[in-house]
mmCIF file of all heavy atoms, coordinates in Angstrom:
data_MODEL
# 
_entry.id   MODEL 
# 
loop_
_atom_site.group_PDB 
_atom_site.id 
_atom_site.type_symbol 
_atom_site.label_atom_id 
_atom_site.label_alt_id 
_atom_site.label_comp_id 
_atom_site.label_asym_id 
_atom_site.label_entity_id 
_atom_site.label_seq_id 
_atom_site.pdbx_PDB_ins_code 
_atom_site.Cartn_x 
_atom_site.Cartn_y 
_atom_site.Cartn_z 
_atom_site.occupancy 
_atom_site.B_iso_or_equiv 
_atom_site.pdbx_formal_charge 
_atom_site.auth_seq_id 
_atom_site.auth_comp_id 
_atom_site.auth_asym_id 
_atom_site.auth_atom_id 
_atom_site.pdbx_PDB_model_num 
ATOM 1   N N   . ALA A 1 1  ? -22.140 38.486 110.489 1.00 0.00 ? 1  ALA A N   1 
ATOM 2   C CA  . ALA A 1 1  ? -20.960 37.828 109.930 1.00 0.00 ? 1  ALA A CA  1 
ATOM 3   C C   . ALA A 1 1  ? -19.729 38.651 110.334 1.00 0.00 ? 1  ALA A C   1 
ATOM 4   O O   . ALA A 1 1  ? -19.860 39.836 110.673 1.00 0.00 ? 1  ALA A O   1 
ATOM 5   C CB  . ALA A 1 1  ? -21.093 37.728 108.422 1.00 0.00 ? 1  ALA A CB  1 
ATOM 6   N N   . PRO A 1 2  ? -18.518 38.066 110.323 1.00 0.00 ? 2  PRO A N   1 
ATOM 7   C CA  . PRO A 1 2  ? -17.322 38.847 110.728 1.00 0.00 ? 2  PRO A CA  1 
ATOM 8   C C   . PRO A 1 2  ? -17.206 40.167 109.974 1.00 0.00 ? 2  PRO A C   1 
ATOM 9   O O   . PRO A 1 2  ? -17.577 40.260 108.794 1.00 0.00 ? 2  PRO A O   1 
ATOM 10  C CB  . PRO A 1 2  ? -16.166 37.903 110.369 1.00 0.00 ? 2  PRO A CB  1 
ATOM 11  C CG  . PRO A 1 2  ? -16.771 36.530 110.382 1.00 0.00 ? 2  PRO A CG  1 
ATOM 12  C CD  . PRO A 1 2  ? -18.188 36.678 109.948 1.00 0.00 ? 2  PRO A CD  1 
ATOM 13  N N   . ASP A 1 3  ? -16.666 41.188 110.635 1.00 0.00 ? 3  ASP A N   1 
ATOM 14  C CA  . ASP A 1 3  ? -16.635 42.557 110.075 1.00 0.00 ? 3  ASP A CA  1 
ATOM 15  C C   . ASP A 1 3  ? -15.843 42.664 108.775 1.00 0.00 ? 3  ASP A C   1 
ATOM 16  O O   . ASP A 1 3  ? -16.183 43.462 107.900 1.00 0.00 ? 3  ASP A O   1 
ATOM 17  C CB  . ASP A 1 3  ? -16.041 43.539 111.111 1.00 0.00 ? 3  ASP A CB  1 
ATOM 18  C CG  . ASP A 1 3  ? -16.998 43.673 112.313 1.00 0.00 ? 3  ASP A CG  1 
ATOM 19  O OD1 . ASP A 1 3  ? -18.219 43.565 112.100 1.00 0.00 ? 3  ASP A OD1 1 
ATOM 20  O OD2 . ASP A 1 3  ? -16.523 43.852 113.445 1.00 0.00 ? 3  ASP A OD2 1 
ATOM 21  N N   . PHE A 1 4  ? -14.760 41.881 108.641 1.00 0.00 ? 4  PHE A N   1 
ATOM 22  C CA  . PHE A 1 4  ? -13.952 42.025 107.409 1.00 0.00 ? 4  PHE A CA  1 
ATOM 23  C C   . PHE A 1 4  ? -14.698 41.554 106.152 1.00 0.00 ? 4  PHE A C   1 
ATOM 24  O O   . PHE A 1 4  ? -14.258 41.775 105.020 1.00 0.00 ? 4  PHE A O   1 
ATOM 25  C CB  . PHE A 1 4  ? -12.615 41.277 107.543 1.00 0.00 ? 4  PHE A CB  1 
ATOM 26  C CG  . PHE A 1 4  ? -12.723 39.783 107.521 1.00 0.00 ? 4  PHE A CG  1 
ATOM 27  C CD1 . PHE A 1 4  ? -12.794 39.087 106.330 1.00 0.00 ? 4  PHE A CD1 1 
ATOM 28  C CD2 . PHE A 1 4  ? -12.758 39.068 108.706 1.00 0.00 ? 4  PHE A CD2 1 
ATOM 29  C CE1 . PHE A 1 4  ? -12.924 37.710 106.314 1.00 0.00 ? 4  PHE A CE1 1 
ATOM 30  C CE2 . PHE A 1 4  ? -12.890 37.667 108.697 1.00 0.00 ? 4  PHE A CE2 1 
ATOM 31  C CZ  . PHE A 1 4  ? -12.981 37.000 107.487 1.00 0.00 ? 4  PHE A CZ  1 
ATOM 32  N N   . MET A 1 5  ? -15.822 40.880 106.367 1.00 0.00 ? 5  MET A N   1 
ATOM 33  C CA  . MET A 1 5  ? -16.601 40.396 105.220 1.00 0.00 ? 5  MET A CA  1 
ATOM 34  C C   . MET A 1 5  ? -17.312 41.520 104.482 1.00 0.00 ? 5  MET A C   1 
ATOM 35  O O   . MET A 1 5  ? -17.759 41.348 103.368 1.00 0.00 ? 5  MET A O   1 
ATOM 36  C CB  . MET A 1 5  ? -17.659 39.403 105.702 1.00 0.00 ? 5  MET A CB  1 
ATOM 37  C CG  . MET A 1 5  ? -17.105 38.137 106.270 1.00 0.00 ? 5  MET A CG  1 
ATOM 38  S SD  . MET A 1 5  ? -16.821 36.866 105.162 1.00 0.00 ? 5  MET A SD  1 
ATOM 39  C CE  . MET A 1 5  ? -18.509 36.372 104.798 1.00 0.00 ? 5  MET A CE  1 
ATOM 40  N N   . LYS A 1 6  ? -17.448 42.644 105.136 1.00 0.00 ? 6  LYS A N   1 
ATOM 41  C CA  . LYS A 1 6  ? -18.184 43.749 104.521 1.00 0.00 ? 6  LYS A CA  1 
ATOM 42  C C   . LYS A 1 6  ? -17.519 44.137 103.204 1.00 0.00 ? 6  LYS A C   1 
ATOM 43  O O   . LYS A 1 6  ? -16.353 44.507 103.162 1.00 0.00 ? 6  LYS A O   1 
ATOM 44  C CB  . LYS A 1 6  ? -18.230 44.945 105.477 1.00 0.00 ? 6  LYS A CB  1 
ATOM 45  C CG  . LYS A 1 6  ? -19.163 46.035 105.008 1.00 0.00 ? 6  LYS A CG  1 
ATOM 46  C CD  . LYS A 1 6  ? -19.792 46.829 106.070 1.00 0.00 ? 6  LYS A CD  1 
ATOM 47  C CE  . LYS A 1 6  ? -20.779 47.817 105.507 1.00 0.00 ? 6  LYS A CE  1 
ATOM 48  N NZ  . LYS A 1 6  ? -21.972 47.090 104.965 1.00 0.00 ? 6  LYS A NZ  1 
ATOM 49  N N   . ASP A 1 7  ? -18.215 43.985 102.129 1.00 0.00 ? 7  ASP A N   1 
ATOM 50  C CA  . ASP A 1 7  ? -17.737 44.349 100.779 1.00 0.00 ? 7  ASP A CA  1 
ATOM 51  C C   . ASP A 1 7  ? -16.402 43.685 100.428 1.00 0.00 ? 7  ASP A C   1 
ATOM 52  O O   . ASP A 1 7  ? -15.578 44.252 99.729  1.00 0.00 ? 7  ASP A O   1 
ATOM 53  C CB  . ASP A 1 7  ? -17.594 45.888 100.628 1.00 0.00 ? 7  ASP A CB  1 
ATOM 54  C CG  . ASP A 1 7  ? -18.868 46.604 101.046 1.00 0.00 ? 7  ASP A CG  1 
ATOM 55  O OD1 . ASP A 1 7  ? -19.945 46.099 100.707 1.00 0.00 ? 7  ASP A OD1 1 
ATOM 56  O OD2 . ASP A 1 7  ? -18.789 47.648 101.710 1.00 0.00 ? 7  ASP A OD2 1 
ATOM 57  N N   . ILE A 1 8  ? -16.134 42.479 100.923 1.00 0.00 ? 8  ILE A N   1 
ATOM 58  C CA  . ILE A 1 8  ? -14.873 41.790 100.612 1.00 0.00 ? 8  ILE A CA  1 
ATOM 59  C C   . ILE A 1 8  ? -14.816 41.478 99.123  1.00 0.00 ? 8  ILE A C   1 
ATOM 60  O O   . ILE A 1 8  ? -15.741 40.888 98.550  1.00 0.00 ? 8  ILE A O   1 
ATOM 61  C CB  . ILE A 1 8  ? -14.696 40.516 101.478 1.00 0.00 ? 8  ILE A CB  1 
ATOM 62  C CG1 . ILE A 1 8  ? -13.310 39.880 101.252 1.00 0.00 ? 8  ILE A CG1 1 
ATOM 63  C CG2 . ILE A 1 8  ? -15.823 39.503 101.250 1.00 0.00 ? 8  ILE A CG2 1 
ATOM 64  C CD1 . ILE A 1 8  ? -12.963 38.782 102.269 1.00 0.00 ? 8  ILE A CD1 1 
ATOM 65  N N   . ALA A 1 9  ? -13.764 41.934 98.486  1.00 0.00 ? 9  ALA A N   1 
ATOM 66  C CA  . ALA A 1 9  ? -13.505 41.707 97.050  1.00 0.00 ? 9  ALA A CA  1 
ATOM 67  C C   . ALA A 1 9  ? -14.689 42.098 96.170  1.00 0.00 ? 9  ALA A C   1 
ATOM 68  O O   . ALA A 1 9  ? -14.925 41.502 95.103  1.00 0.00 ? 9  ALA A O   1 
ATOM 69  C CB  . ALA A 1 9  ? -13.121 40.246 96.808  1.00 0.00 ? 9  ALA A CB  1 
ATOM 70  N N   . GLY A 1 10 ? -15.467 43.095 96.635  1.00 0.00 ? 10 GLY A N   1 
ATOM 71  C CA  . GLY A 1 10 ? -16.601 43.578 95.832  1.00 0.00 ? 10 GLY A CA  1 
ATOM 72  C C   . GLY A 1 10 ? -17.816 42.664 95.824  1.00 0.00 ? 10 GLY A C   1 
ATOM 73  O O   . GLY A 1 10 ? -18.744 42.843 95.019  1.00 0.00 ? 10 GLY A O   1 
ATOM 74  N N   . LEU A 1 11 ? -17.827 41.626 96.698  1.00 0.00 ? 11 LEU A N   1 
ATOM 75  C CA  . LEU A 1 11 ? -18.995 40.740 96.755  1.00 0.00 ? 11 LEU A CA  1 
ATOM 76  C C   . LEU A 1 11 ? -20.141 41.469 97.456  1.00 0.00 ? 11 LEU A C   1 
ATOM 77  O O   . LEU A 1 11 ? -19.926 42.289 98.350  1.00 0.00 ? 11 LEU A O   1 
ATOM 78  C CB  . LEU A 1 11 ? -18.659 39.451 97.519  1.00 0.00 ? 11 LEU A CB  1 
ATOM 79  C CG  . LEU A 1 11 ? -17.620 38.513 96.869  1.00 0.00 ? 11 LEU A CG  1 
ATOM 80  C CD1 . LEU A 1 11 ? -17.257 37.389 97.840  1.00 0.00 ? 11 LEU A CD1 1 
ATOM 81  C CD2 . LEU A 1 11 ? -18.124 37.922 95.559  1.00 0.00 ? 11 LEU A CD2 1 
ATOM 82  N N   . GLU A 1 12 ? -21.357 41.132 97.080  1.00 0.00 ? 12 GLU A N   1 
ATOM 83  C CA  . GLU A 1 12 ? -22.526 41.803 97.674  1.00 0.00 ? 12 GLU A CA  1 
ATOM 84  C C   . GLU A 1 12 ? -22.764 41.285 99.106  1.00 0.00 ? 12 GLU A C   1 
ATOM 85  O O   . GLU A 1 12 ? -22.826 40.075 99.331  1.00 0.00 ? 12 GLU A O   1 
ATOM 86  C CB  . GLU A 1 12 ? -23.767 41.533 96.801  1.00 0.00 ? 12 GLU A CB  1 
ATOM 87  C CG  . GLU A 1 12 ? -24.985 42.340 97.225  1.00 0.00 ? 12 GLU A CG  1 
ATOM 88  C CD  . GLU A 1 12 ? -26.259 41.937 96.466  1.00 0.00 ? 12 GLU A CD  1 
ATOM 89  O OE1 . GLU A 1 12 ? -26.153 41.147 95.477  1.00 0.00 ? 12 GLU A OE1 1 
ATOM 90  O OE2 . GLU A 1 12 ? -27.342 42.405 96.877  1.00 0.00 ? 12 GLU A OE2 1 
ATOM 91  N N   . THR A 1 13 ? -22.869 42.230 100.045 1.00 0.00 ? 13 THR A N   1 
ATOM 92  C CA  . THR A 1 13 ? -23.163 41.856 101.435 1.00 0.00 ? 13 THR A CA  1 
ATOM 93  C C   . THR A 1 13 ? -24.385 42.646 101.926 1.00 0.00 ? 13 THR A C   1 
ATOM 94  O O   . THR A 1 13 ? -24.737 43.672 101.369 1.00 0.00 ? 13 THR A O   1 
ATOM 95  C CB  . THR A 1 13 ? -21.970 42.164 102.377 1.00 0.00 ? 13 THR A CB  1 
ATOM 96  O OG1 . THR A 1 13 ? -21.577 43.545 102.183 1.00 0.00 ? 13 THR A OG1 1 
ATOM 97  C CG2 . THR A 1 13 ? -20.781 41.284 102.124 1.00 0.00 ? 13 THR A CG2 1 
ATOM 98  N N   . ASN A 1 14 ? -25.019 42.134 103.017 1.00 0.00 ? 14 ASN A N   1 
ATOM 99  C CA  . ASN A 1 14 ? -26.147 42.881 103.609 1.00 0.00 ? 14 ASN A CA  1 
ATOM 100 C C   . ASN A 1 14 ? -25.668 43.678 104.820 1.00 0.00 ? 14 ASN A C   1 
ATOM 101 O O   . ASN A 1 14 ? -24.476 43.740 105.108 1.00 0.00 ? 14 ASN A O   1 
ATOM 102 C CB  . ASN A 1 14 ? -27.310 41.925 103.939 1.00 0.00 ? 14 ASN A CB  1 
ATOM 103 C CG  . ASN A 1 14 ? -26.929 40.904 105.021 1.00 0.00 ? 14 ASN A CG  1 
ATOM 104 O OD1 . ASN A 1 14 ? -25.857 40.959 105.601 1.00 0.00 ? 14 ASN A OD1 1 
ATOM 105 N ND2 . ASN A 1 14 ? -27.812 39.954 105.306 1.00 0.00 ? 14 ASN A ND2 1 
ATOM 106 N N   . ARG A 1 15 ? -26.620 44.253 105.560 1.00 0.00 ? 15 ARG A N   1 
ATOM 107 C CA  . ARG A 1 15 ? -26.230 45.162 106.659 1.00 0.00 ? 15 ARG A CA  1 
ATOM 108 C C   . ARG A 1 15 ? -25.517 44.438 107.813 1.00 0.00 ? 15 ARG A C   1 
ATOM 109 O O   . ARG A 1 15 ? -24.821 45.063 108.604 1.00 0.00 ? 15 ARG A O   1 
ATOM 110 C CB  . ARG A 1 15 ? -27.424 45.964 107.182 1.00 0.00 ? 15 ARG A CB  1 
ATOM 111 C CG  . ARG A 1 15 ? -28.525 45.163 107.692 1.00 0.00 ? 15 ARG A CG  1 
ATOM 112 C CD  . ARG A 1 15 ? -29.718 45.945 108.167 1.00 0.00 ? 15 ARG A CD  1 
ATOM 113 N NE  . ARG A 1 15 ? -30.729 45.007 108.599 1.00 0.00 ? 15 ARG A NE  1 
ATOM 114 C CZ  . ARG A 1 15 ? -30.762 44.363 109.721 1.00 0.00 ? 15 ARG A CZ  1 
ATOM 115 N NH1 . ARG A 1 15 ? -29.833 44.577 110.578 1.00 0.00 ? 15 ARG A NH1 1 
ATOM 116 N NH2 . ARG A 1 15 ? -31.728 43.522 110.059 1.00 0.00 ? 15 ARG A NH2 1 
ATOM 117 N N   . ILE A 1 16 ? -25.686 43.100 107.901 1.00 0.00 ? 16 ILE A N   1 
ATOM 118 C CA  . ILE A 1 16 ? -24.964 42.376 108.959 1.00 0.00 ? 16 ILE A CA  1 
ATOM 119 C C   . ILE A 1 16 ? -23.798 41.545 108.370 1.00 0.00 ? 16 ILE A C   1 
ATOM 120 O O   . ILE A 1 16 ? -23.421 40.503 108.891 1.00 0.00 ? 16 ILE A O   1 
ATOM 121 C CB  . ILE A 1 16 ? -25.913 41.498 109.847 1.00 0.00 ? 16 ILE A CB  1 
ATOM 122 C CG1 . ILE A 1 16 ? -26.745 40.524 109.016 1.00 0.00 ? 16 ILE A CG1 1 
ATOM 123 C CG2 . ILE A 1 16 ? -26.792 42.368 110.712 1.00 0.00 ? 16 ILE A CG2 1 
ATOM 124 C CD1 . ILE A 1 16 ? -27.499 39.478 109.869 1.00 0.00 ? 16 ILE A CD1 1 
ATOM 125 N N   . ASN A 1 17 ? -23.264 42.077 107.266 1.00 0.00 ? 17 ASN A N   1 
ATOM 126 C CA  . ASN A 1 17 ? -22.042 41.545 106.623 1.00 0.00 ? 17 ASN A CA  1 
ATOM 127 C C   . ASN A 1 17 ? -22.203 40.159 106.004 1.00 0.00 ? 17 ASN A C   1 
ATOM 128 O O   . ASN A 1 17 ? -21.203 39.552 105.614 1.00 0.00 ? 17 ASN A O   1 
ATOM 129 C CB  . ASN A 1 17 ? -20.838 41.501 107.598 1.00 0.00 ? 17 ASN A CB  1 
ATOM 130 C CG  . ASN A 1 17 ? -20.623 42.801 108.329 1.00 0.00 ? 17 ASN A CG  1 
ATOM 131 O OD1 . ASN A 1 17 ? -20.953 43.838 107.798 1.00 0.00 ? 17 ASN A OD1 1 
ATOM 132 N ND2 . ASN A 1 17 ? -20.097 42.771 109.534 1.00 0.00 ? 17 ASN A ND2 1 
ATOM 133 N N   . GLN A 1 18 ? -23.429 39.634 105.928 1.00 0.00 ? 18 GLN A N   1 
ATOM 134 C CA  . GLN A 1 18 ? -23.596 38.314 105.288 1.00 0.00 ? 18 GLN A CA  1 
ATOM 135 C C   . GLN A 1 18 ? -23.432 38.442 103.783 1.00 0.00 ? 18 GLN A C   1 
ATOM 136 O O   . GLN A 1 18 ? -23.837 39.451 103.191 1.00 0.00 ? 18 GLN A O   1 
ATOM 137 C CB  . GLN A 1 18 ? -24.986 37.735 105.596 1.00 0.00 ? 18 GLN A CB  1 
ATOM 138 C CG  . GLN A 1 18 ? -25.177 37.284 107.038 1.00 0.00 ? 18 GLN A CG  1 
ATOM 139 C CD  . GLN A 1 18 ? -26.619 36.875 107.275 1.00 0.00 ? 18 GLN A CD  1 
ATOM 140 O OE1 . GLN A 1 18 ? -27.558 37.574 106.857 1.00 0.00 ? 18 GLN A OE1 1 
ATOM 141 N NE2 . GLN A 1 18 ? -26.849 35.770 107.941 1.00 0.00 ? 18 GLN A NE2 1 
ATOM 142 N N   . LEU A 1 19 ? -22.883 37.403 103.144 1.00 0.00 ? 19 LEU A N   1 
ATOM 143 C CA  . LEU A 1 19 ? -22.770 37.394 101.677 1.00 0.00 ? 19 LEU A CA  1 
ATOM 144 C C   . LEU A 1 19 ? -24.139 37.072 101.088 1.00 0.00 ? 19 LEU A C   1 
ATOM 145 O O   . LEU A 1 19 ? -24.764 36.070 101.464 1.00 0.00 ? 19 LEU A O   1 
ATOM 146 C CB  . LEU A 1 19 ? -21.754 36.339 101.225 1.00 0.00 ? 19 LEU A CB  1 
ATOM 147 C CG  . LEU A 1 19 ? -20.280 36.645 101.582 1.00 0.00 ? 19 LEU A CG  1 
ATOM 148 C CD1 . LEU A 1 19 ? -19.421 35.407 101.335 1.00 0.00 ? 19 LEU A CD1 1 
ATOM 149 C CD2 . LEU A 1 19 ? -19.738 37.815 100.810 1.00 0.00 ? 19 LEU A CD2 1 
ATOM 150 N N   . VAL A 1 20 ? -24.578 37.904 100.148 1.00 0.00 ? 20 VAL A N   1 
ATOM 151 C CA  . VAL A 1 20 ? -25.881 37.657 99.512  1.00 0.00 ? 20 VAL A CA  1 
ATOM 152 C C   . VAL A 1 20 ? -25.676 36.572 98.453  1.00 0.00 ? 20 VAL A C   1 
ATOM 153 O O   . VAL A 1 20 ? -24.814 36.690 97.586  1.00 0.00 ? 20 VAL A O   1 
ATOM 154 C CB  . VAL A 1 20 ? -26.437 38.953 98.891  1.00 0.00 ? 20 VAL A CB  1 
ATOM 155 C CG1 . VAL A 1 20 ? -27.788 38.692 98.244  1.00 0.00 ? 20 VAL A CG1 1 
ATOM 156 C CG2 . VAL A 1 20 ? -26.558 40.050 99.980  1.00 0.00 ? 20 VAL A CG2 1 
ATOM 157 N N   . VAL A 1 21 ? -26.477 35.501 98.557  1.00 0.00 ? 21 VAL A N   1 
ATOM 158 C CA  . VAL A 1 21 ? -26.321 34.393 97.593  1.00 0.00 ? 21 VAL A CA  1 
ATOM 159 C C   . VAL A 1 21 ? -27.606 34.172 96.810  1.00 0.00 ? 21 VAL A C   1 
ATOM 160 O O   . VAL A 1 21 ? -28.695 34.538 97.237  1.00 0.00 ? 21 VAL A O   1 
ATOM 161 C CB  . VAL A 1 21 ? -25.902 33.063 98.295  1.00 0.00 ? 21 VAL A CB  1 
ATOM 162 C CG1 . VAL A 1 21 ? -24.540 33.171 98.906  1.00 0.00 ? 21 VAL A CG1 1 
ATOM 163 C CG2 . VAL A 1 21 ? -26.936 32.628 99.335  1.00 0.00 ? 21 VAL A CG2 1 
ATOM 164 N N   . LYS A 1 22 ? -27.415 33.535 95.660  1.00 0.00 ? 22 LYS A N   1 
ATOM 165 C CA  . LYS A 1 22 ? -28.569 33.116 94.841  1.00 0.00 ? 22 LYS A CA  1 
ATOM 166 C C   . LYS A 1 22 ? -29.120 31.821 95.447  1.00 0.00 ? 22 LYS A C   1 
ATOM 167 O O   . LYS A 1 22 ? -28.442 31.181 96.260  1.00 0.00 ? 22 LYS A O   1 
ATOM 168 C CB  . LYS A 1 22 ? -28.096 32.885 93.393  1.00 0.00 ? 22 LYS A CB  1 
ATOM 169 C CG  . LYS A 1 22 ? -27.594 34.174 92.730  1.00 0.00 ? 22 LYS A CG  1 
ATOM 170 C CD  . LYS A 1 22 ? -27.277 34.002 91.280  1.00 0.00 ? 22 LYS A CD  1 
ATOM 171 C CE  . LYS A 1 22 ? -26.052 33.266 90.959  1.00 0.00 ? 22 LYS A CE  1 
ATOM 172 N NZ  . LYS A 1 22 ? -25.594 33.302 89.573  1.00 0.00 ? 22 LYS A NZ  1 
ATOM 173 N N   . PRO A 1 23 ? -30.297 31.397 95.028  1.00 0.00 ? 23 PRO A N   1 
ATOM 174 C CA  . PRO A 1 23 ? -30.828 30.142 95.595  1.00 0.00 ? 23 PRO A CA  1 
ATOM 175 C C   . PRO A 1 23 ? -29.897 28.926 95.405  1.00 0.00 ? 23 PRO A C   1 
ATOM 176 O O   . PRO A 1 23 ? -29.984 27.938 96.139  1.00 0.00 ? 23 PRO A O   1 
ATOM 177 C CB  . PRO A 1 23 ? -32.146 29.943 94.847  1.00 0.00 ? 23 PRO A CB  1 
ATOM 178 C CG  . PRO A 1 23 ? -32.558 31.334 94.458  1.00 0.00 ? 23 PRO A CG  1 
ATOM 179 C CD  . PRO A 1 23 ? -31.297 32.061 94.178  1.00 0.00 ? 23 PRO A CD  1 
ATOM 180 N N   . THR A 1 24 ? -28.975 28.996 94.438  1.00 0.00 ? 24 THR A N   1 
ATOM 181 C CA  . THR A 1 24 ? -28.033 27.885 94.224  1.00 0.00 ? 24 THR A CA  1 
ATOM 182 C C   . THR A 1 24 ? -26.875 27.940 95.232  1.00 0.00 ? 24 THR A C   1 
ATOM 183 O O   . THR A 1 24 ? -25.959 27.110 95.185  1.00 0.00 ? 24 THR A O   1 
ATOM 184 C CB  . THR A 1 24 ? -27.433 27.949 92.807  1.00 0.00 ? 24 THR A CB  1 
ATOM 185 O OG1 . THR A 1 24 ? -26.877 29.272 92.626  1.00 0.00 ? 24 THR A OG1 1 
ATOM 186 C CG2 . THR A 1 24 ? -28.453 27.644 91.745  1.00 0.00 ? 24 THR A CG2 1 
ATOM 187 N N   . LEU A 1 25 ? -26.879 28.928 96.122  1.00 0.00 ? 25 LEU A N   1 
ATOM 188 C CA  . LEU A 1 25 ? -25.859 29.195 97.147  1.00 0.00 ? 25 LEU A CA  1 
ATOM 189 C C   . LEU A 1 25 ? -24.584 29.822 96.582  1.00 0.00 ? 25 LEU A C   1 
ATOM 190 O O   . LEU A 1 25 ? -23.584 29.980 97.272  1.00 0.00 ? 25 LEU A O   1 
ATOM 191 C CB  . LEU A 1 25 ? -25.502 27.930 97.966  1.00 0.00 ? 25 LEU A CB  1 
ATOM 192 C CG  . LEU A 1 25 ? -26.687 27.291 98.708  1.00 0.00 ? 25 LEU A CG  1 
ATOM 193 C CD1 . LEU A 1 25 ? -26.255 25.993 99.386  1.00 0.00 ? 25 LEU A CD1 1 
ATOM 194 C CD2 . LEU A 1 25 ? -27.263 28.252 99.749  1.00 0.00 ? 25 LEU A CD2 1 
ATOM 195 N N   . GLN A 1 26 ? -24.609 30.207 95.257  1.00 0.00 ? 26 GLN A N   1 
ATOM 196 C CA  . GLN A 1 26 ? -23.491 30.960 94.689  1.00 0.00 ? 26 GLN A CA  1 
ATOM 197 C C   . GLN A 1 26 ? -23.677 32.434 95.013  1.00 0.00 ? 26 GLN A C   1 
ATOM 198 O O   . GLN A 1 26 ? -24.817 32.926 95.073  1.00 0.00 ? 26 GLN A O   1 
ATOM 199 C CB  . GLN A 1 26 ? -23.430 30.779 93.152  1.00 0.00 ? 26 GLN A CB  1 
ATOM 200 C CG  . GLN A 1 26 ? -23.085 29.353 92.723  1.00 0.00 ? 26 GLN A CG  1 
ATOM 201 C CD  . GLN A 1 26 ? -23.479 29.114 91.291  1.00 0.00 ? 26 GLN A CD  1 
ATOM 202 O OE1 . GLN A 1 26 ? -24.657 29.181 90.944  1.00 0.00 ? 26 GLN A OE1 1 
ATOM 203 N NE2 . GLN A 1 26 ? -22.512 28.850 90.426  1.00 0.00 ? 26 GLN A NE2 1 
ATOM 204 N N   . THR A 1 27 ? -22.575 33.165 95.191  1.00 0.00 ? 27 THR A N   1 
ATOM 205 C CA  . THR A 1 27 ? -22.697 34.601 95.455  1.00 0.00 ? 27 THR A CA  1 
ATOM 206 C C   . THR A 1 27 ? -23.232 35.297 94.204  1.00 0.00 ? 27 THR A C   1 
ATOM 207 O O   . THR A 1 27 ? -23.022 34.830 93.081  1.00 0.00 ? 27 THR A O   1 
ATOM 208 C CB  . THR A 1 27 ? -21.342 35.223 95.865  1.00 0.00 ? 27 THR A CB  1 
ATOM 209 O OG1 . THR A 1 27 ? -20.391 34.925 94.850  1.00 0.00 ? 27 THR A OG1 1 
ATOM 210 C CG2 . THR A 1 27 ? -20.863 34.666 97.199  1.00 0.00 ? 27 THR A CG2 1 
ATOM 211 N N   . THR A 1 28 ? -23.891 36.427 94.401  1.00 0.00 ? 28 THR A N   1 
ATOM 212 C CA  . THR A 1 28 ? -24.579 37.118 93.287  1.00 0.00 ? 28 THR A CA  1 
ATOM 213 C C   . THR A 1 28 ? -23.600 37.671 92.260  1.00 0.00 ? 28 THR A C   1 
ATOM 214 O O   . THR A 1 28 ? -23.921 37.838 91.095  1.00 0.00 ? 28 THR A O   1 
ATOM 215 C CB  . THR A 1 28 ? -25.422 38.283 93.844  1.00 0.00 ? 28 THR A CB  1 
ATOM 216 O OG1 . THR A 1 28 ? -24.591 39.048 94.750  1.00 0.00 ? 28 THR A OG1 1 
ATOM 217 C CG2 . THR A 1 28 ? -26.642 37.777 94.597  1.00 0.00 ? 28 THR A CG2 1 
ATOM 218 N N   . VAL A 1 29 ? -22.380 37.947 92.680  1.00 0.00 ? 29 VAL A N   1 
ATOM 219 C CA  . VAL A 1 29 ? -21.393 38.587 91.794  1.00 0.00 ? 29 VAL A CA  1 
ATOM 220 C C   . VAL A 1 29 ? -20.466 37.561 91.119  1.00 0.00 ? 29 VAL A C   1 
ATOM 221 O O   . VAL A 1 29 ? -20.074 37.722 89.970  1.00 0.00 ? 29 VAL A O   1 
ATOM 222 C CB  . VAL A 1 29 ? -20.541 39.609 92.607  1.00 0.00 ? 29 VAL A CB  1 
ATOM 223 C CG1 . VAL A 1 29 ? -19.472 40.254 91.745  1.00 0.00 ? 29 VAL A CG1 1 
ATOM 224 C CG2 . VAL A 1 29 ? -21.434 40.654 93.274  1.00 0.00 ? 29 VAL A CG2 1 
ATOM 225 N N   . ASP A 1 30 ? -20.117 36.484 91.847  1.00 0.00 ? 30 ASP A N   1 
ATOM 226 C CA  . ASP A 1 30 ? -19.112 35.526 91.357  1.00 0.00 ? 30 ASP A CA  1 
ATOM 227 C C   . ASP A 1 30 ? -19.630 34.101 91.512  1.00 0.00 ? 30 ASP A C   1 
ATOM 228 O O   . ASP A 1 30 ? -19.870 33.624 92.620  1.00 0.00 ? 30 ASP A O   1 
ATOM 229 C CB  . ASP A 1 30 ? -17.815 35.706 92.161  1.00 0.00 ? 30 ASP A CB  1 
ATOM 230 C CG  . ASP A 1 30 ? -16.631 34.992 91.526  1.00 0.00 ? 30 ASP A CG  1 
ATOM 231 O OD1 . ASP A 1 30 ? -16.829 33.934 90.891  1.00 0.00 ? 30 ASP A OD1 1 
ATOM 232 O OD2 . ASP A 1 30 ? -15.505 35.506 91.662  1.00 0.00 ? 30 ASP A OD2 1 
# 
């Protein structure tokens, strides 16, 4: 995923900058 996504606004990301989501496709934090 684009580099600026890394830890954007405190959202959980993985090692390749992807946003970690729940099965409902919502982010784990918000």
